[in-house]
Amino acid sequence: MTKSLVRFTIEPSSDAYLLLIEDDAGETVELAATLEQLDLIGEAIDQLLEQDDAETSDSE
């Protein structure tokens, strides 16, 4: 069963960043991530958004 994202936050931690992801059932996952990992996540999101924009532009 797929859960929906409700909220996420990124907080600095002593040696990394804490990524908190809350789903629609109210459950929260806490993940430690480096700055480099957060950068890769940001790049992946940017690529997907650019693809979506390109596909939307092509269909108009």
N, C-alpha and C. Protein backbone atom coordinates (compact mmCIF):
# COMPACT_ATOMS: atom_id res chain seq x y z
N MET A 1 0.84 -1.19 0.00
CA MET A 1 0.00 0.00 0.00
C MET A 1 0.89 1.25 0.00
N THR A 2 0.61 2.14 -0.89
CA THR A 2 1.37 3.38 -0.99
C THR A 2 0.82 4.42 -0.02
N LYS A 3 1.71 5.04 0.69
CA LYS A 3 1.33 6.12 1.61
C LYS A 3 1.63 7.45 0.95
N SER A 4 0.93 8.47 1.36
CA SER A 4 1.14 9.81 0.82
C SER A 4 2.00 10.65 1.76
N LEU A 5 2.83 11.45 1.18
CA LEU A 5 3.66 12.38 1.93
C LEU A 5 2.79 13.50 2.47
N VAL A 6 2.89 13.76 3.76
CA VAL A 6 2.15 14.85 4.37
C VAL A 6 3.08 16.02 4.65
N ARG A 7 4.28 15.70 5.16
CA ARG A 7 5.19 16.77 5.54
C ARG A 7 6.60 16.22 5.61
N PHE A 8 7.57 17.08 5.34
CA PHE A 8 8.95 16.70 5.60
C PHE A 8 9.70 17.93 6.08
N THR A 9 10.69 17.69 6.91
CA THR A 9 11.56 18.76 7.39
C THR A 9 13.00 18.26 7.35
N ILE A 10 13.91 19.21 7.27
CA ILE A 10 15.33 18.91 7.32
C ILE A 10 15.91 19.78 8.41
N GLU A 11 16.56 19.14 9.38
CA GLU A 11 17.13 19.86 10.51
C GLU A 11 18.61 19.52 10.62
N PRO A 12 19.43 20.53 10.94
CA PRO A 12 20.85 20.23 11.14
C PRO A 12 21.04 19.36 12.38
N SER A 13 22.01 18.47 12.30
CA SER A 13 22.35 17.59 13.41
C SER A 13 23.84 17.79 13.70
N SER A 14 24.36 17.10 14.67
CA SER A 14 25.75 17.32 15.06
C SER A 14 26.74 17.02 13.94
N ASP A 15 26.52 15.94 13.18
CA ASP A 15 27.47 15.59 12.12
C ASP A 15 26.82 15.36 10.77
N ALA A 16 25.52 15.62 10.68
CA ALA A 16 24.79 15.40 9.42
C ALA A 16 23.54 16.27 9.46
N TYR A 17 22.54 15.86 8.72
CA TYR A 17 21.23 16.52 8.74
C TYR A 17 20.20 15.44 9.03
N LEU A 18 19.14 15.83 9.73
CA LEU A 18 18.07 14.91 10.05
C LEU A 18 16.90 15.19 9.13
N LEU A 19 16.54 14.22 8.33
CA LEU A 19 15.42 14.32 7.40
C LEU A 19 14.23 13.60 8.03
N LEU A 20 13.16 14.34 8.30
CA LEU A 20 11.96 13.79 8.92
C LEU A 20 10.85 13.77 7.87
N ILE A 21 10.29 12.60 7.63
CA ILE A 21 9.25 12.41 6.62
C ILE A 21 8.01 11.86 7.31
N GLU A 22 6.91 12.59 7.20
CA GLU A 22 5.65 12.16 7.82
C GLU A 22 4.67 11.72 6.74
N ASP A 23 4.01 10.57 6.96
CA ASP A 23 3.03 10.08 5.99
C ASP A 23 1.61 10.36 6.46
N ASP A 24 0.64 9.99 5.61
CA ASP A 24 -0.76 10.29 5.90
C ASP A 24 -1.33 9.46 7.05
N ALA A 25 -0.59 8.48 7.53
CA ALA A 25 -1.01 7.70 8.69
C ALA A 25 -0.45 8.30 9.97
N GLY A 26 0.30 9.38 9.84
CA GLY A 26 0.89 10.05 11.00
C GLY A 26 2.21 9.45 11.44
N GLU A 27 2.73 8.50 10.68
CA GLU A 27 4.01 7.89 11.02
C GLU A 27 5.16 8.75 10.48
N THR A 28 6.21 8.84 11.26
CA THR A 28 7.37 9.64 10.86
C THR A 28 8.60 8.76 10.75
N VAL A 29 9.33 8.95 9.67
CA VAL A 29 10.61 8.26 9.46
C VAL A 29 11.69 9.31 9.65
N GLU A 30 12.71 8.98 10.43
CA GLU A 30 13.84 9.87 10.65
C GLU A 30 15.07 9.26 9.99
N LEU A 31 15.69 10.04 9.11
CA LEU A 31 16.88 9.57 8.40
C LEU A 31 18.01 10.58 8.55
N ALA A 32 19.20 10.09 8.82
CA ALA A 32 20.38 10.95 8.82
C ALA A 32 20.90 11.02 7.40
N ALA A 33 21.26 12.21 6.95
CA ALA A 33 21.78 12.39 5.60
C ALA A 33 22.91 13.40 5.61
N THR A 34 23.88 13.18 4.75
CA THR A 34 24.97 14.15 4.59
C THR A 34 24.50 15.27 3.67
N LEU A 35 25.26 16.34 3.66
CA LEU A 35 24.96 17.44 2.75
C LEU A 35 25.02 16.97 1.30
N GLU A 36 25.97 16.09 0.99
CA GLU A 36 26.09 15.57 -0.37
C GLU A 36 24.85 14.76 -0.76
N GLN A 37 24.33 13.97 0.17
CA GLN A 37 23.12 13.19 -0.12
C GLN A 37 21.92 14.10 -0.34
N LEU A 38 21.80 15.16 0.48
CA LEU A 38 20.70 16.11 0.28
C LEU A 38 20.83 16.80 -1.07
N ASP A 39 22.05 17.09 -1.47
CA ASP A 39 22.30 17.70 -2.78
C ASP A 39 21.85 16.78 -3.90
N LEU A 40 22.15 15.48 -3.78
CA LEU A 40 21.71 14.50 -4.79
C LEU A 40 20.19 14.40 -4.85
N ILE A 41 19.54 14.44 -3.70
CA ILE A 41 18.07 14.43 -3.67
C ILE A 41 17.53 15.65 -4.39
N GLY A 42 18.10 16.82 -4.11
CA GLY A 42 17.67 18.06 -4.77
C GLY A 42 17.85 18.00 -6.27
N GLU A 43 18.98 17.45 -6.72
CA GLU A 43 19.23 17.32 -8.15
C GLU A 43 18.23 16.37 -8.81
N ALA A 44 17.91 15.28 -8.14
CA ALA A 44 16.95 14.32 -8.69
C ALA A 44 15.56 14.96 -8.81
N ILE A 45 15.18 15.74 -7.81
CA ILE A 45 13.88 16.43 -7.87
C ILE A 45 13.86 17.43 -9.01
N ASP A 46 14.94 18.20 -9.15
CA ASP A 46 15.04 19.18 -10.24
C ASP A 46 14.90 18.50 -11.60
N GLN A 47 15.58 17.37 -11.79
CA GLN A 47 15.51 16.66 -13.06
C GLN A 47 14.09 16.19 -13.36
N LEU A 48 13.41 15.65 -12.36
CA LEU A 48 12.03 15.19 -12.57
C LEU A 48 11.09 16.34 -12.90
N LEU A 49 11.27 17.47 -12.21
CA LEU A 49 10.43 18.64 -12.48
C LEU A 49 10.69 19.19 -13.89
N GLU A 50 11.96 19.18 -14.30
CA GLU A 50 12.28 19.64 -15.65
C GLU A 50 11.66 18.72 -16.70
N GLN A 51 11.71 17.41 -16.47
CA GLN A 51 11.09 16.44 -17.38
C GLN A 51 9.58 16.69 -17.46
N ASP A 52 8.97 16.88 -16.30
CA ASP A 52 7.53 17.11 -16.26
C ASP A 52 7.16 18.39 -17.01
N ASP A 53 7.96 19.45 -16.82
CA ASP A 53 7.72 20.69 -17.53
C ASP A 53 7.84 20.50 -19.04
N ALA A 54 8.86 19.74 -19.47
CA ALA A 54 9.07 19.49 -20.88
C ALA A 54 7.91 18.69 -21.47
N GLU A 55 7.45 17.68 -20.75
CA GLU A 55 6.33 16.87 -21.23
C GLU A 55 5.05 17.70 -21.29
N THR A 56 4.86 18.57 -20.32
CA THR A 56 3.68 19.44 -20.32
C THR A 56 3.72 20.42 -21.49
N SER A 57 4.90 20.96 -21.76
CA SER A 57 5.06 21.88 -22.88
C SER A 57 4.83 21.19 -24.21
N ASP A 58 5.28 19.94 -24.34
CA ASP A 58 5.10 19.19 -25.58
C ASP A 58 3.65 18.88 -25.86
N SER A 59 2.85 18.71 -24.83
CA SER A 59 1.45 18.33 -25.02
C SER A 59 0.54 19.53 -25.27
N GLU A 60 1.08 20.73 -25.16
CA GLU A 60 0.25 21.94 -25.38
C GLU A 60 0.20 22.32 -26.84
